[in-house]
N, C-alpha and C. Protein backbone atom coordinates (compact mmCIF):
# COMPACT_ATOMS: atom_id res chain seq x y z
N UNK A 1 7.49 291.10 2.27
CA UNK A 1 6.28 290.74 2.68
C UNK A 1 5.69 290.23 0.76
N UNK A 2 5.00 289.30 0.68
CA UNK A 2 4.37 289.31 -0.56
C UNK A 2 4.33 290.26 -1.49
N UNK A 3 4.56 290.10 -2.76
CA UNK A 3 3.86 291.44 -3.29
C UNK A 3 2.72 291.65 -3.79
N UNK A 4 2.29 292.95 -4.04
CA UNK A 4 0.93 293.09 -4.43
C UNK A 4 0.36 292.36 -5.59
N UNK A 5 -0.99 292.19 -5.86
CA UNK A 5 -1.39 292.14 -6.87
C UNK A 5 -2.09 292.84 -8.02
N UNK A 6 -2.20 292.98 -9.21
CA UNK A 6 -3.22 293.90 -9.84
C UNK A 6 -4.26 293.00 -10.58
N UNK A 7 -5.45 293.22 -10.62
CA UNK A 7 -6.13 292.31 -11.73
C UNK A 7 -6.58 292.99 -12.84
N UNK A 8 -5.83 291.90 -13.96
CA UNK A 8 -5.55 292.28 -15.23
C UNK A 8 -6.66 291.73 -16.22
N UNK A 9 -7.88 290.78 -15.68
CA UNK A 9 -8.68 290.21 -16.58
C UNK A 9 -9.84 290.40 -16.04
N UNK A 10 -10.82 289.79 -17.04
CA UNK A 10 -12.33 290.19 -16.74
C UNK A 10 -13.29 289.19 -17.75
N UNK A 11 -14.61 288.79 -17.26
CA UNK A 11 -15.73 288.27 -17.96
C UNK A 11 -16.70 288.84 -17.82
N UNK A 12 -17.81 289.28 -18.70
CA UNK A 12 -18.99 289.56 -18.64
C UNK A 12 -19.98 288.18 -18.69
N UNK A 13 -20.43 288.14 -17.37
CA UNK A 13 -21.56 287.00 -17.01
C UNK A 13 -22.88 287.66 -16.82
N UNK A 14 -23.96 287.44 -17.41
CA UNK A 14 -25.29 287.88 -17.35
C UNK A 14 -25.36 289.39 -17.19
N UNK A 15 -24.76 290.29 -17.41
CA UNK A 15 -25.15 291.70 -17.28
C UNK A 15 -24.32 291.93 -15.94
N UNK A 16 -23.13 291.06 -15.60
CA UNK A 16 -22.49 291.43 -14.25
C UNK A 16 -21.22 291.36 -14.77
N UNK A 17 -19.97 291.70 -14.14
CA UNK A 17 -18.89 291.48 -14.58
C UNK A 17 -18.04 290.54 -12.99
N UNK A 18 -17.24 289.98 -14.01
CA UNK A 18 -16.39 288.51 -12.74
C UNK A 18 -15.20 288.93 -13.27
N UNK A 19 -14.29 289.63 -12.50
CA UNK A 19 -12.61 289.50 -12.93
C UNK A 19 -12.49 288.31 -12.61
N UNK A 20 -11.27 287.94 -13.94
CA UNK A 20 -10.70 286.57 -13.48
C UNK A 20 -9.48 286.62 -12.63
N UNK A 21 -9.02 285.50 -12.00
CA UNK A 21 -7.63 285.63 -11.16
C UNK A 21 -6.84 285.75 -11.95
N UNK A 22 -6.45 286.35 -12.69
CA UNK A 22 -5.23 286.65 -13.60
C UNK A 22 -4.74 288.10 -12.84
N UNK A 23 -3.28 287.62 -12.03
CA UNK A 23 -2.67 288.90 -11.68
C UNK A 23 -1.39 289.39 -12.44
N UNK A 24 -1.28 290.34 -12.14
CA UNK A 24 0.69 291.19 -12.48
C UNK A 24 0.90 291.26 -10.98
N UNK A 25 2.35 290.94 -10.74
CA UNK A 25 2.99 290.59 -9.51
C UNK A 25 3.32 292.29 -9.73
N UNK A 26 3.66 292.97 -8.59
CA UNK A 26 4.34 293.93 -8.57
C UNK A 26 6.14 293.45 -7.66
N UNK A 27 7.09 293.79 -8.27
CA UNK A 27 7.92 293.34 -7.47
C UNK A 27 8.18 293.72 -5.97
N UNK A 28 8.09 295.17 -5.65
CA UNK A 28 8.30 295.87 -4.30
C UNK A 28 6.86 296.56 -3.67
N UNK A 29 6.72 296.32 -2.56
CA UNK A 29 5.75 296.94 -2.01
C UNK A 29 5.96 296.78 -0.57
N UNK A 30 5.66 298.21 0.13
CA UNK A 30 5.83 298.64 1.87
C UNK A 30 4.54 297.91 2.50
N UNK A 31 3.55 297.68 1.66
CA UNK A 31 2.22 297.34 2.19
C UNK A 31 1.58 295.84 2.32
N UNK A 32 1.32 295.39 3.07
CA UNK A 32 0.78 293.98 3.27
C UNK A 32 0.22 293.38 1.64
N UNK A 33 0.44 292.14 1.30
CA UNK A 33 -0.05 291.33 0.39
C UNK A 33 -1.70 292.04 -0.13
N UNK A 34 -2.09 292.23 -1.36
CA UNK A 34 -3.41 293.06 -1.38
C UNK A 34 -3.16 293.16 -3.33
N UNK A 35 -4.64 293.02 -3.36
CA UNK A 35 -5.35 293.19 -4.63
C UNK A 35 -5.71 294.73 -5.00
N UNK A 36 -4.94 294.88 -6.11
CA UNK A 36 -5.48 296.57 -6.52
C UNK A 36 -6.58 296.33 -7.72
N UNK A 37 -7.63 296.51 -7.06
CA UNK A 37 -9.04 296.46 -7.85
C UNK A 37 -8.98 297.72 -9.19
N UNK A 38 -8.93 297.62 -10.23
CA UNK A 38 -8.99 298.47 -11.31
C UNK A 38 -10.25 298.43 -12.00
N UNK A 39 -10.60 299.76 -12.86
CA UNK A 39 -12.03 299.78 -12.94
C UNK A 39 -11.55 299.52 -14.99
N UNK A 40 -12.38 298.23 -14.82
CA UNK A 40 -12.42 297.50 -16.34
C UNK A 40 -13.58 297.90 -17.18
N UNK A 41 -12.73 297.73 -18.62
CA UNK A 41 -13.54 298.30 -19.43
C UNK A 41 -15.17 297.02 -19.39
N UNK A 42 -16.24 297.71 -19.52
CA UNK A 42 -17.32 296.86 -19.35
C UNK A 42 -18.11 297.22 -20.84
N UNK A 43 -17.33 297.61 -21.64
CA UNK A 43 -18.20 297.69 -23.09
C UNK A 43 -16.83 297.96 -23.72
N UNK A 44 -17.06 297.83 -25.17
CA UNK A 44 -16.31 297.86 -26.01
C UNK A 44 -16.00 299.49 -26.52
N UNK A 45 -16.90 299.91 -26.16
CA UNK A 45 -16.72 301.71 -26.45
C UNK A 45 -15.87 302.35 -25.26
N UNK A 46 -16.09 301.67 -24.19
CA UNK A 46 -15.95 302.36 -22.67
C UNK A 46 -14.62 303.15 -22.61
N UNK A 47 -14.45 304.50 -22.26
CA UNK A 47 -12.97 304.69 -22.22
C UNK A 47 -13.45 305.49 -20.71
N UNK A 48 -14.39 305.68 -20.05
CA UNK A 48 -14.33 306.09 -18.93
C UNK A 48 -15.59 305.88 -17.83
N UNK A 49 -15.68 305.66 -16.69
CA UNK A 49 -16.75 305.04 -16.20
C UNK A 49 -17.20 305.55 -14.90
N UNK A 50 -18.16 305.54 -14.24
CA UNK A 50 -18.41 306.29 -13.09
C UNK A 50 -18.80 305.25 -12.03
N UNK A 51 -18.38 305.38 -10.61
CA UNK A 51 -19.01 304.55 -9.67
C UNK A 51 -20.51 304.91 -8.98
N UNK A 52 -21.24 304.51 -9.59
CA UNK A 52 -22.90 304.90 -9.27
C UNK A 52 -22.86 304.41 -7.71
N UNK A 53 -22.38 303.34 -7.26
CA UNK A 53 -22.83 303.05 -6.07
C UNK A 53 -21.65 301.73 -5.40
N UNK A 54 -21.21 302.02 -4.23
CA UNK A 54 -20.39 300.73 -3.66
C UNK A 54 -21.69 299.92 -2.92
N UNK A 55 -21.74 298.61 -3.04
CA UNK A 55 -22.18 297.69 -2.07
C UNK A 55 -21.45 297.30 -1.16
N UNK A 56 -20.79 297.27 -0.75
CA UNK A 56 -19.86 296.97 0.42
C UNK A 56 -18.78 298.26 0.97
N UNK A 57 -18.56 298.34 2.08
CA UNK A 57 -18.09 299.11 2.69
C UNK A 57 -16.67 298.69 3.03
N UNK A 58 -15.74 299.50 3.75
CA UNK A 58 -14.46 299.37 4.26
C UNK A 58 -14.42 298.40 5.06
N UNK A 59 -13.67 297.33 5.47
CA UNK A 59 -13.93 296.39 6.25
C UNK A 59 -14.78 295.58 5.97
N UNK A 60 -15.57 295.19 5.16
CA UNK A 60 -16.37 294.22 4.74
C UNK A 60 -15.82 293.43 4.49
N UNK A 61 -16.21 291.50 4.79
CA UNK A 61 -15.38 290.64 4.61
C UNK A 61 -16.41 290.70 2.59
N UNK A 62 -15.51 290.11 1.95
CA UNK A 62 -15.86 289.62 0.26
C UNK A 62 -15.71 288.02 0.34
N UNK A 63 -16.83 287.73 -0.44
CA UNK A 63 -16.90 286.73 -0.75
C UNK A 63 -17.15 286.24 -2.05
N UNK A 64 -16.65 285.13 -2.77
CA UNK A 64 -16.50 285.09 -4.73
C UNK A 64 -18.06 284.99 -4.97
N UNK A 65 -18.35 286.33 -6.01
CA UNK A 65 -19.51 286.47 -6.36
C UNK A 65 -20.33 287.31 -5.46
N UNK A 66 -20.26 288.13 -4.68
CA UNK A 66 -20.81 289.46 -4.27
C UNK A 66 -20.63 290.53 -4.71
N UNK A 67 -21.72 291.22 -4.65
CA UNK A 67 -21.74 292.49 -5.59
C UNK A 67 -21.10 293.59 -5.00
N UNK A 68 -20.11 294.06 -5.57
CA UNK A 68 -18.92 295.10 -4.85
C UNK A 68 -19.21 296.32 -5.46
N UNK A 69 -20.01 296.54 -6.49
CA UNK A 69 -20.06 298.15 -6.97
C UNK A 69 -21.02 297.89 -8.27
N UNK A 70 -21.77 298.92 -8.64
CA UNK A 70 -22.26 299.49 -9.56
C UNK A 70 -21.86 300.63 -10.37
N UNK A 71 -21.52 300.41 -11.71
CA UNK A 71 -20.79 301.08 -12.48
C UNK A 71 -21.33 301.49 -13.78
N UNK A 72 -21.31 303.15 -13.80
CA UNK A 72 -22.05 303.20 -15.02
C UNK A 72 -20.99 303.37 -16.07
N UNK A 73 -21.40 302.78 -17.61
CA UNK A 73 -20.78 302.65 -18.58
C UNK A 73 -21.29 303.84 -19.28
N UNK A 74 -20.81 304.27 -20.74
CA UNK A 74 -21.02 304.58 -21.31
C UNK A 74 -22.66 304.26 -21.98
N UNK A 75 -23.14 303.16 -21.82
CA UNK A 75 -24.74 302.54 -22.45
C UNK A 75 -25.26 302.47 -21.16
N UNK A 76 -25.14 301.90 -20.08
CA UNK A 76 -25.86 301.22 -19.09
C UNK A 76 -24.96 300.93 -17.71
N UNK A 77 -25.46 301.00 -16.68
CA UNK A 77 -25.16 300.61 -15.29
C UNK A 77 -24.99 299.12 -15.19
N UNK A 78 -23.76 298.98 -14.78
CA UNK A 78 -23.55 297.11 -14.45
C UNK A 78 -22.79 297.21 -13.02
N UNK A 79 -23.46 295.41 -12.66
CA UNK A 79 -23.23 295.05 -11.74
C UNK A 79 -21.74 294.60 -11.52
N UNK A 80 -20.51 295.27 -10.86
CA UNK A 80 -19.32 294.56 -10.85
C UNK A 80 -18.88 293.97 -9.43
N UNK A 81 -18.42 292.58 -9.61
CA UNK A 81 -18.50 291.49 -8.60
C UNK A 81 -17.21 291.88 -8.04
N UNK A 82 -17.22 290.87 -6.73
CA UNK A 82 -16.01 290.93 -6.12
C UNK A 82 -14.93 289.94 -6.55
N UNK A 83 -14.01 290.58 -7.30
CA UNK A 83 -12.97 289.52 -7.97
C UNK A 83 -11.73 288.70 -7.05
N UNK A 84 -12.03 289.17 -5.59
CA UNK A 84 -11.16 287.74 -4.97
C UNK A 84 -11.67 287.89 -3.94
N UNK A 85 -11.77 286.87 -2.89
CA UNK A 85 -12.37 286.52 -1.61
C UNK A 85 -11.64 287.47 -0.65
N UNK A 86 -11.49 288.09 0.68
CA UNK A 86 -10.95 288.83 1.33
C UNK A 86 -11.47 289.71 2.18
N UNK A 87 -11.28 290.98 2.30
CA UNK A 87 -11.74 292.22 2.71
C UNK A 87 -11.52 293.58 2.04
N UNK A 88 -12.58 293.88 2.10
CA UNK A 88 -12.59 295.58 1.35
C UNK A 88 -11.85 296.38 2.33
N UNK A 89 -10.55 296.69 1.78
CA UNK A 89 -9.06 297.51 2.73
C UNK A 89 -9.71 298.67 2.51
N UNK A 90 -10.10 299.34 1.31
CA UNK A 90 -9.60 300.92 0.76
C UNK A 90 -10.59 301.06 -0.40
N UNK A 91 -11.78 301.82 -0.32
CA UNK A 91 -12.66 302.50 -1.35
C UNK A 91 -11.64 303.61 -1.89
N UNK A 92 -10.61 303.50 -3.19
CA UNK A 92 -10.04 304.39 -3.42
C UNK A 92 -10.87 305.53 -4.18
N UNK A 93 -11.98 305.24 -4.94
CA UNK A 93 -12.94 306.26 -5.93
C UNK A 93 -14.14 306.31 -5.06
N UNK A 94 -14.54 307.41 -4.80
CA UNK A 94 -15.62 307.39 -3.85
C UNK A 94 -17.22 306.80 -4.89
N UNK A 95 -17.83 306.49 -4.76
CA UNK A 95 -19.16 306.49 -5.34
C UNK A 95 -19.41 308.01 -5.63
N UNK A 96 -19.88 308.20 -6.64
CA UNK A 96 -20.14 309.69 -7.53
C UNK A 96 -19.22 309.91 -8.43
N UNK A 97 -17.92 309.70 -8.00
CA UNK A 97 -16.87 310.18 -9.02
C UNK A 97 -17.66 309.94 -10.66
N UNK A 98 -17.08 310.71 -11.46
CA UNK A 98 -17.19 310.90 -12.58
C UNK A 98 -15.80 310.92 -13.35
N UNK A 99 -16.19 310.26 -14.69
CA UNK A 99 -15.04 310.31 -15.44
C UNK A 99 -13.57 309.73 -15.14
N UNK A 100 -13.89 308.23 -14.42
CA UNK A 100 -12.93 307.62 -13.97
C UNK A 100 -12.31 306.77 -15.13
N UNK A 101 -10.83 307.17 -15.51
CA UNK A 101 -10.20 306.37 -16.62
C UNK A 101 -9.87 304.82 -16.50
N UNK A 102 -10.09 303.82 -17.56
CA UNK A 102 -10.18 302.45 -17.37
C UNK A 102 -8.44 302.21 -16.80
N UNK A 103 -8.77 301.30 -16.14
CA UNK A 103 -7.49 301.01 -15.37
C UNK A 103 -7.36 301.61 -14.27
N UNK A 104 -7.62 302.68 -13.78
CA UNK A 104 -7.66 303.54 -12.31
C UNK A 104 -7.74 302.67 -11.19
N UNK A 105 -7.35 302.60 -10.40
CA UNK A 105 -7.35 301.53 -8.99
C UNK A 105 -8.54 302.17 -8.58
N UNK A 106 -9.56 301.47 -8.57
CA UNK A 106 -10.73 302.16 -7.46
C UNK A 106 -11.06 301.43 -5.95
N UNK A 107 -10.28 300.46 -5.63
CA UNK A 107 -10.05 299.82 -4.16
C UNK A 107 -9.18 298.87 -4.41
N UNK A 108 -8.80 298.58 -3.10
CA UNK A 108 -7.78 297.33 -2.65
C UNK A 108 -8.75 296.43 -1.52
N UNK A 109 -8.39 294.94 -2.10
CA UNK A 109 -8.76 294.07 -1.54
C UNK A 109 -7.59 293.57 -0.55
N UNK A 110 -7.92 292.97 0.55
CA UNK A 110 -6.40 292.25 1.57
C UNK A 110 -7.40 290.85 1.85
N UNK A 111 -6.20 290.06 1.79
CA UNK A 111 -6.45 288.67 2.64
C UNK A 111 -6.98 288.34 4.21
N UNK A 112 -5.70 289.36 4.49
CA UNK A 112 -6.29 288.95 6.46
C UNK A 112 -6.61 290.28 6.79
N UNK A 113 -8.06 290.00 7.59
CA UNK A 113 -8.69 291.33 8.17
C UNK A 113 -7.74 292.23 9.07
N UNK A 114 -6.52 291.79 9.46
CA UNK A 114 -5.64 292.58 10.35
C UNK A 114 -5.05 293.36 9.26
N UNK A 115 -4.85 293.29 8.35
CA UNK A 115 -3.93 294.54 7.13
C UNK A 115 -5.10 295.74 6.79
N UNK A 116 -6.14 295.77 7.16
CA UNK A 116 -7.23 296.57 6.67
C UNK A 116 -6.45 298.06 7.17
N UNK A 117 -6.23 298.15 8.62
CA UNK A 117 -5.34 299.29 8.61
C UNK A 117 -4.45 299.87 8.04
N UNK A 118 -3.72 298.75 7.30
CA UNK A 118 -2.41 299.66 6.73
C UNK A 118 -2.54 300.20 5.13
N UNK A 119 -3.76 300.43 5.08
CA UNK A 119 -4.47 301.23 3.87
C UNK A 119 -5.37 302.36 4.11
N UNK A 120 -5.60 302.70 5.44
CA UNK A 120 -6.07 303.63 5.53
C UNK A 120 -5.94 305.19 5.06
N UNK A 121 -4.47 305.28 4.92
CA UNK A 121 -4.16 306.55 4.21
C UNK A 121 -3.83 306.26 2.63
N UNK A 122 -3.89 305.00 2.18
CA UNK A 122 -3.59 304.74 0.94
C UNK A 122 -4.67 305.62 -0.39
N UNK A 123 -3.84 306.41 -1.20
CA UNK A 123 -4.23 307.41 -2.08
C UNK A 123 -4.83 306.64 -3.42
N UNK A 124 -3.59 305.65 -3.70
CA UNK A 124 -4.06 304.86 -5.11
C UNK A 124 -2.68 305.25 -6.18
N UNK A 125 -2.32 304.80 -7.10
CA UNK A 125 -1.08 305.21 -7.93
C UNK A 125 -1.41 306.21 -8.51
C-alpha cells in the first residue's frame, strides 16, 4: 500500500485556512493511503486550539475548498477548509475538545470511499 501523508503546509485566505498540498511521506503503514490532517497554527501566538464544530461528518465526500471545521484560536474562530479531496474517514478529535496542541492529528482523509472502514478504530498518534 502507498504510504500515508501528513499535511505540513498552510496558507490563510480571507479569514479561512486552506492547507497546501505539501505532504510528508511516511515509510510504512498498515492502513490504506490516507492524509493525516493536523491542527495548524492559525495565528502567530497560537499554541493550542479548540475544534468548535465539525462541518463535515465521517463518510462525507470532500471537495477542495469545502469547509471542514471551525477552529477556535487564542484570538478568534477560524474556518478550516478541506485540505484534500476525498472522504472524511475519521474525526480523531471531537467537536468541543479544548487545549489541542498544534500538530496533533485531528482527522483522516482517504481517497477511496471503500477505505473508510479501515479507520473505524483509529485513535491517532
